[in-house]
PDB file of N, CA and C in Angstrom:
ATOM      1  N   MET A   1     -55.043  15.042  31.503  1.00  0.00           N
ATOM      2  CA  MET A   1     -53.982  13.497  31.798  1.00  0.00           C
ATOM      3  C   MET A   1     -54.229  12.260  30.813  1.00  0.00           C
ATOM      4  N   PRO A   2     -52.680  11.517  30.138  1.00  0.00           N
ATOM      5  CA  PRO A   2     -53.008  11.021  29.487  1.00  0.00           C
ATOM      6  C   PRO A   2     -53.770   9.107  30.424  1.00  0.00           C
ATOM      7  N   ASP A   3     -54.674   8.688  29.823  1.00  0.00           N
ATOM      8  CA  ASP A   3     -55.019   7.394  30.319  1.00  0.00           C
ATOM      9  C   ASP A   3     -53.788   6.514  30.910  1.00  0.00           C
ATOM     10  N   MET A   4     -53.639   6.160  32.162  1.00  0.00           N
ATOM     11  CA  MET A   4     -52.071   5.504  32.435  1.00  0.00           C
ATOM     12  C   MET A   4     -52.168   4.156  31.563  1.00  0.00           C
ATOM     13  N   HIS A   5     -53.174   3.486  31.578  1.00  0.00           N
ATOM     14  CA  HIS A   5     -52.812   2.025  30.827  1.00  0.00           C
ATOM     15  C   HIS A   5     -52.909   2.421  28.930  1.00  0.00           C
ATOM     16  N   ASN A   6     -53.706   3.595  28.806  1.00  0.00           N
ATOM     17  CA  ASN A   6     -52.519   4.242  27.191  1.00  0.00           C
ATOM     18  C   ASN A   6     -51.162   4.392  27.138  1.00  0.00           C
ATOM     19  N   LEU A   7     -51.063   5.177  28.380  1.00  0.00           N
ATOM     20  CA  LEU A   7     -49.582   5.739  28.403  1.00  0.00           C
ATOM     21  C   LEU A   7     -48.215   4.122  28.571  1.00  0.00           C
ATOM     22  N   ILE A   8     -48.943   3.586  29.431  1.00  0.00           N
ATOM     23  CA  ILE A   8     -47.994   2.022  29.243  1.00  0.00           C
ATOM     24  C   ILE A   8     -48.126   1.051  28.446  1.00  0.00           C
ATOM     25  N   ALA A   9     -49.108   1.050  27.397  1.00  0.00           N
ATOM     26  CA  ALA A   9     -48.682   0.300  26.235  1.00  0.00           C
ATOM     27  C   ALA A   9     -48.209   1.021  24.878  1.00  0.00           C
ATOM     28  N   LYS A  10     -48.207   2.555  25.164  1.00  0.00           N
ATOM     29  CA  LYS A  10     -47.612   2.958  24.349  1.00  0.00           C
ATOM     30  C   LYS A  10     -45.686   2.852  24.272  1.00  0.00           C
ATOM     31  N   ALA A  11     -45.791   3.087  25.788  1.00  0.00           N
ATOM     32  CA  ALA A  11     -44.263   2.573  26.600  1.00  0.00           C
ATOM     33  C   ALA A  11     -43.559   1.123  25.953  1.00  0.00           C
ATOM     34  N   LYS A  12     -45.113   0.442  26.022  1.00  0.00           N
ATOM     35  CA  LYS A  12     -43.921  -0.881  26.287  1.00  0.00           C
ATOM     36  C   LYS A  12     -44.224  -1.178  24.762  1.00  0.00           C
ATOM     37  N   ALA A  13     -44.813  -0.415  23.757  1.00  0.00           N
ATOM     38  CA  ALA A  13     -44.544  -0.600  22.369  1.00  0.00           C
ATOM     39  C   ALA A  13     -43.549   0.245  21.715  1.00  0.00           C
ATOM     40  N   LEU A  14     -42.684   0.759  22.389  1.00  0.00           N
ATOM     41  CA  LEU A  14     -41.764   1.390  22.135  1.00  0.00           C
ATOM     42  C   LEU A  14     -40.314   0.644  22.630  1.00  0.00           C
ATOM     43  N   GLN A  15     -40.229  -0.161  23.322  1.00  0.00           N
ATOM     44  CA  GLN A  15     -39.639  -0.623  24.020  1.00  0.00           C
ATOM     45  C   GLN A  15     -38.798  -1.489  22.961  1.00  0.00           C
ATOM     46  N   PRO A  16     -38.958  -2.260  22.273  1.00  0.00           N
ATOM     47  CA  PRO A  16     -37.937  -2.904  21.444  1.00  0.00           C
ATOM     48  C   PRO A  16     -37.214  -1.866  20.740  1.00  0.00           C
ATOM     49  N   ARG A  17     -37.918  -1.009  20.241  1.00  0.00           N
ATOM     50  CA  ARG A  17     -37.399  -0.200  18.895  1.00  0.00           C
ATOM     51  C   ARG A  17     -35.965   1.224  20.023  1.00  0.00           C
ATOM     52  N   LEU A  18     -36.167   0.909  21.279  1.00  0.00           N
ATOM     53  CA  LEU A  18     -35.586   1.647  22.056  1.00  0.00           C
ATOM     54  C   LEU A  18     -34.044   0.840  22.723  1.00  0.00           C
ATOM     55  N   VAL A  19     -34.423  -0.356  23.153  1.00  0.00           N
ATOM     56  CA  VAL A  19     -33.778  -1.516  22.695  1.00  0.00           C
ATOM     57  C   VAL A  19     -32.191  -1.836  22.266  1.00  0.00           C
ATOM     58  N   GLU A  20     -33.151  -1.513  20.413  1.00  0.00           N
ATOM     59  CA  GLU A  20     -32.262  -1.548  19.339  1.00  0.00           C
ATOM     60  C   GLU A  20     -31.358  -0.638  19.549  1.00  0.00           C
ATOM     61  N   LEU A  21     -31.960   1.016  19.687  1.00  0.00           N
ATOM     62  CA  LEU A  21     -30.962   1.946  19.846  1.00  0.00           C
ATOM     63  C   LEU A  21     -30.428   1.548  21.059  1.00  0.00           C
ATOM     64  N   ARG A  22     -30.500   1.555  22.020  1.00  0.00           N
ATOM     65  CA  ARG A  22     -28.935   1.410  22.929  1.00  0.00           C
ATOM     66  C   ARG A  22     -28.116   0.201  22.311  1.00  0.00           C
ATOM     67  N   ARG A  23     -28.352  -0.878  21.778  1.00  0.00           N
ATOM     68  CA  ARG A  23     -27.443  -1.939  21.028  1.00  0.00           C
ATOM     69  C   ARG A  23     -26.446  -1.514  20.009  1.00  0.00           C
ATOM     70  N   THR A  24     -27.387  -0.322  19.069  1.00  0.00           N
ATOM     71  CA  THR A  24     -26.502   0.014  17.971  1.00  0.00           C
ATOM     72  C   THR A  24     -25.063   1.326  18.712  1.00  0.00           C
ATOM     73  N   ILE A  25     -25.889   2.282  20.086  1.00  0.00           N
ATOM     74  CA  ILE A  25     -25.194   2.822  20.337  1.00  0.00           C
ATOM     75  C   ILE A  25     -23.554   2.087  20.818  1.00  0.00           C
ATOM     76  N   HIS A  26     -23.971   1.221  21.592  1.00  0.00           N
ATOM     77  CA  HIS A  26     -22.966  -0.048  22.633  1.00  0.00           C
ATOM     78  C   HIS A  26     -22.552  -0.422  21.120  1.00  0.00           C
ATOM     79  N   ARG A  27     -22.884  -0.835  20.043  1.00  0.00           N
ATOM     80  CA  ARG A  27     -21.399  -1.396  18.932  1.00  0.00           C
ATOM     81  C   ARG A  27     -20.892  -0.544  18.554  1.00  0.00           C
ATOM     82  N   ARG A  28     -21.466   0.955  18.916  1.00  0.00           N
ATOM     83  CA  ARG A  28     -20.091   1.500  18.053  1.00  0.00           C
ATOM     84  C   ARG A  28     -20.050   2.849  19.096  1.00  0.00           C
ATOM     85  N   PRO A  29     -19.280   2.495  19.779  1.00  0.00           N
ATOM     86  CA  PRO A  29     -18.945   3.369  21.300  1.00  0.00           C
ATOM     87  C   PRO A  29     -18.118   4.645  20.726  1.00  0.00           C
ATOM     88  N   GLU A  30     -18.267   5.737  21.431  1.00  0.00           N
ATOM     89  CA  GLU A  30     -17.515   6.785  20.830  1.00  0.00           C
ATOM     90  C   GLU A  30     -17.425   7.469  22.437  1.00  0.00           C
ATOM     91  N   LEU A  31     -16.429   8.470  22.479  1.00  0.00           N
ATOM     92  CA  LEU A  31     -15.611   9.143  23.734  1.00  0.00           C
ATOM     93  C   LEU A  31     -15.904  10.285  23.868  1.00  0.00           C
ATOM     94  N   GLY A  32     -15.928  11.326  24.801  1.00  0.00           N
ATOM     95  CA  GLY A  32     -16.117  12.519  25.544  1.00  0.00           C
ATOM     96  C   GLY A  32     -16.836  12.855  24.852  1.00  0.00           C
ATOM     97  N   PHE A  33     -16.480  14.132  24.133  1.00  0.00           N
ATOM     98  CA  PHE A  33     -17.374  14.786  23.343  1.00  0.00           C
ATOM     99  C   PHE A  33     -17.042  14.685  22.202  1.00  0.00           C
ATOM    100  N   GLU A  34     -17.374  13.453  21.727  1.00  0.00           N
ATOM    101  CA  GLU A  34     -16.477  13.436  20.396  1.00  0.00           C
ATOM    102  C   GLU A  34     -17.830  12.470  19.964  1.00  0.00           C
ATOM    103  N   VAL A  35     -18.995  12.343  20.129  1.00  0.00           N
ATOM    104  CA  VAL A  35     -20.218  11.567  20.102  1.00  0.00           C
ATOM    105  C   VAL A  35     -20.876  12.112  18.757  1.00  0.00           C
ATOM    106  N   HIS A  36     -20.801  12.341  17.661  1.00  0.00           N
ATOM    107  CA  HIS A  36     -21.276  13.042  16.747  1.00  0.00           C
ATOM    108  C   HIS A  36     -22.586  11.666  16.531  1.00  0.00           C
ATOM    109  N   GLU A  37     -22.213  10.681  15.936  1.00  0.00           N
ATOM    110  CA  GLU A  37     -22.593   9.565  15.146  1.00  0.00           C
ATOM    111  C   GLU A  37     -23.827   8.987  16.504  1.00  0.00           C
ATOM    112  N   THR A  38     -23.376   9.535  17.687  1.00  0.00           N
ATOM    113  CA  THR A  38     -24.365   8.909  18.942  1.00  0.00           C
ATOM    114  C   THR A  38     -25.886  10.265  18.949  1.00  0.00           C
ATOM    115  N   ALA A  39     -25.073  11.012  18.796  1.00  0.00           N
ATOM    116  CA  ALA A  39     -25.834  12.205  18.724  1.00  0.00           C
ATOM    117  C   ALA A  39     -26.721  12.315  17.579  1.00  0.00           C
ATOM    118  N   ALA A  40     -26.448  12.165  16.231  1.00  0.00           N
ATOM    119  CA  ALA A  40     -27.089  12.256  15.094  1.00  0.00           C
ATOM    120  C   ALA A  40     -28.555  11.099  15.247  1.00  0.00           C
ATOM    121  N   LEU A  41     -27.595   9.628  16.156  1.00  0.00           N
ATOM    122  CA  LEU A  41     -29.084   8.908  15.777  1.00  0.00           C
ATOM    123  C   LEU A  41     -29.462   8.921  16.651  1.00  0.00           C
ATOM    124  N   VAL A  42     -29.573   9.347  17.814  1.00  0.00           N
ATOM    125  CA  VAL A  42     -30.597  10.250  18.920  1.00  0.00           C
ATOM    126  C   VAL A  42     -31.592  11.314  18.388  1.00  0.00           C
ATOM    127  N   ALA A  43     -30.907  12.135  18.072  1.00  0.00           N
ATOM    128  CA  ALA A  43     -31.643  13.226  17.049  1.00  0.00           C
ATOM    129  C   ALA A  43     -32.589  12.650  16.484  1.00  0.00           C
ATOM    130  N   ARG A  44     -32.337  11.628  15.221  1.00  0.00           N
ATOM    131  CA  ARG A  44     -33.314  10.905  14.077  1.00  0.00           C
ATOM    132  C   ARG A  44     -34.087  10.890  14.802  1.00  0.00           C
ATOM    133  N   THR A  45     -33.702   9.772  16.246  1.00  0.00           N
ATOM    134  CA  THR A  45     -34.952   8.468  16.734  1.00  0.00           C
ATOM    135  C   THR A  45     -36.117   9.512  17.634  1.00  0.00           C
ATOM    136  N   LEU A  46     -35.553  10.781  17.809  1.00  0.00           N
ATOM    137  CA  LEU A  46     -36.322  11.621  18.262  1.00  0.00           C
ATOM    138  C   LEU A  46     -37.440  12.267  17.584  1.00  0.00           C
ATOM    139  N   ARG A  47     -36.752  12.933  16.510  1.00  0.00           N
ATOM    140  CA  ARG A  47     -37.861  13.200  15.077  1.00  0.00           C
ATOM    141  C   ARG A  47     -39.088  12.652  14.081  1.00  0.00           C
ATOM    142  N   GLU A  48     -37.659  11.030  14.319  1.00  0.00           N
ATOM    143  CA  GLU A  48     -38.726   9.831  14.109  1.00  0.00           C
ATOM    144  C   GLU A  48     -40.174   9.829  14.605  1.00  0.00           C
ATOM    145  N   LEU A  49     -40.127   9.987  16.386  1.00  0.00           N
ATOM    146  CA  LEU A  49     -41.069   9.841  16.986  1.00  0.00           C
ATOM    147  C   LEU A  49     -42.115  10.825  17.468  1.00  0.00           C
ATOM    148  N   GLY A  50     -41.686  11.971  16.368  1.00  0.00           N
ATOM    149  CA  GLY A  50     -42.781  13.500  16.766  1.00  0.00           C
ATOM    150  C   GLY A  50     -42.219  14.171  17.455  1.00  0.00           C
ATOM    151  N   ILE A  51     -40.664  14.256  18.234  1.00  0.00           N
ATOM    152  CA  ILE A  51     -40.409  15.198  19.461  1.00  0.00           C
ATOM    153  C   ILE A  51     -39.374  15.997  18.672  1.00  0.00           C
ATOM    154  N   GLU A  52     -39.514  17.353  18.972  1.00  0.00           N
ATOM    155  CA  GLU A  52     -38.351  18.520  18.325  1.00  0.00           C
ATOM    156  C   GLU A  52     -37.206  17.815  19.140  1.00  0.00           C
ATOM    157  N   ALA A  53     -35.704  18.155  18.193  1.00  0.00           N
ATOM    158  CA  ALA A  53     -34.798  17.834  18.971  1.00  0.00           C
ATOM    159  C   ALA A  53     -34.165  18.661  18.204  1.00  0.00           C
ATOM    160  N   GLN A  54     -33.847  19.900  19.707  1.00  0.00           N
ATOM    161  CA  GLN A  54     -32.745  20.555  18.994  1.00  0.00           C
ATOM    162  C   GLN A  54     -31.127  20.101  19.473  1.00  0.00           C
ATOM    163  N   THR A  55     -30.165  20.009  18.726  1.00  0.00           N
ATOM    164  CA  THR A  55     -28.864  19.887  18.327  1.00  0.00           C
ATOM    165  C   THR A  55     -27.583  20.958  18.723  1.00  0.00           C
ATOM    166  N   GLY A  56     -26.605  20.406  19.017  1.00  0.00           N
ATOM    167  CA  GLY A  56     -25.658  21.256  19.028  1.00  0.00           C
ATOM    168  C   GLY A  56     -25.803  21.485  20.229  1.00  0.00           C
ATOM    169  N   VAL A  57     -26.057  21.473  21.543  1.00  0.00           N
ATOM    170  CA  VAL A  57     -26.228  21.993  22.937  1.00  0.00           C
ATOM    171  C   VAL A  57     -25.183  21.073  23.738  1.00  0.00           C
ATOM    172  N   GLY A  58     -24.123  22.291  24.084  1.00  0.00           N
ATOM    173  CA  GLY A  58     -22.584  21.868  24.444  1.00  0.00           C
ATOM    174  C   GLY A  58     -21.905  20.834  23.538  1.00  0.00           C
ATOM    175  N   LYS A  59     -21.914  21.888  22.183  1.00  0.00           N
ATOM    176  CA  LYS A  59     -20.987  20.600  21.156  1.00  0.00           C
ATOM    177  C   LYS A  59     -22.152  19.663  20.763  1.00  0.00           C
ATOM    178  N   THR A  60     -21.971  18.231  21.478  1.00  0.00           N
ATOM    179  CA  THR A  60     -22.923  17.434  21.107  1.00  0.00           C
ATOM    180  C   THR A  60     -24.246  17.140  22.010  1.00  0.00           C
ATOM    181  N   GLY A  61     -24.250  18.109  22.763  1.00  0.00           N
ATOM    182  CA  GLY A  61     -25.365  17.326  23.581  1.00  0.00           C
ATOM    183  C   GLY A  61     -27.047  17.596  22.715  1.00  0.00           C
ATOM    184  N   ILE A  62     -28.038  17.062  23.168  1.00  0.00           N
ATOM    185  CA  ILE A  62     -29.234  17.275  22.206  1.00  0.00           C
ATOM    186  C   ILE A  62     -30.589  17.229  23.822  1.00  0.00           C
ATOM    187  N   VAL A  63     -31.241  18.319  23.178  1.00  0.00           N
ATOM    188  CA  VAL A  63     -32.451  18.698  24.200  1.00  0.00           C
ATOM    189  C   VAL A  63     -33.546  18.217  23.217  1.00  0.00           C
ATOM    190  N   GLY A  64     -34.266  17.425  23.993  1.00  0.00           N
ATOM    191  CA  GLY A  64     -35.954  17.220  23.470  1.00  0.00           C
ATOM    192  C   GLY A  64     -37.149  17.959  24.070  1.00  0.00           C
ATOM    193  N   HIS A  65     -38.117  18.709  23.234  1.00  0.00           N
ATOM    194  CA  HIS A  65     -38.761  19.685  23.516  1.00  0.00           C
ATOM    195  C   HIS A  65     -40.105  18.088  23.372  1.00  0.00           C
ATOM    196  N   LEU A  66     -40.626  18.290  24.802  1.00  0.00           N
ATOM    197  CA  LEU A  66     -42.000  17.009  24.826  1.00  0.00           C
ATOM    198  C   LEU A  66     -43.208  18.343  24.640  1.00  0.00           C
ATOM    199  N   GLY A  67     -43.131  19.351  24.675  1.00  0.00           N
ATOM    200  CA  GLY A  67     -44.404  19.872  25.016  1.00  0.00           C
ATOM    201  C   GLY A  67     -44.309  21.112  26.046  1.00  0.00           C
ATOM    202  N   ASP A  68     -45.751  21.732  26.444  1.00  0.00           N
ATOM    203  CA  ASP A  68     -45.796  22.216  27.511  1.00  0.00           C
ATOM    204  C   ASP A  68     -46.905  21.269  28.287  1.00  0.00           C
ATOM    205  N   GLY A  69     -47.259  20.385  28.271  1.00  0.00           N
ATOM    206  CA  GLY A  69     -48.074  19.776  28.713  1.00  0.00           C
ATOM    207  C   GLY A  69     -49.261  20.031  29.008  1.00  0.00           C
ATOM    208  N   ALA A  70     -49.704  20.193  27.774  1.00  0.00           N
ATOM    209  CA  ALA A  70     -51.226  20.775  27.726  1.00  0.00           C
ATOM    210  C   ALA A  70     -51.777  19.634  26.944  1.00  0.00           C
TER     211      ALA A  70
END
């Protein structure tokens, strides 16, 4: 199990990047199931963070594979 302090530090380090991601998404809103740019941005961000991202789930959905917990 990861050290809780280490986990909190990593989460805090990601905060500015995730805030900017949220702002980018809100500046360029897409509606309904036509969220192609948003899906691509989220998938790219996940991959940059080392998370496997499966795209095209239910048209524009994304599944991030975090691993098996080992």
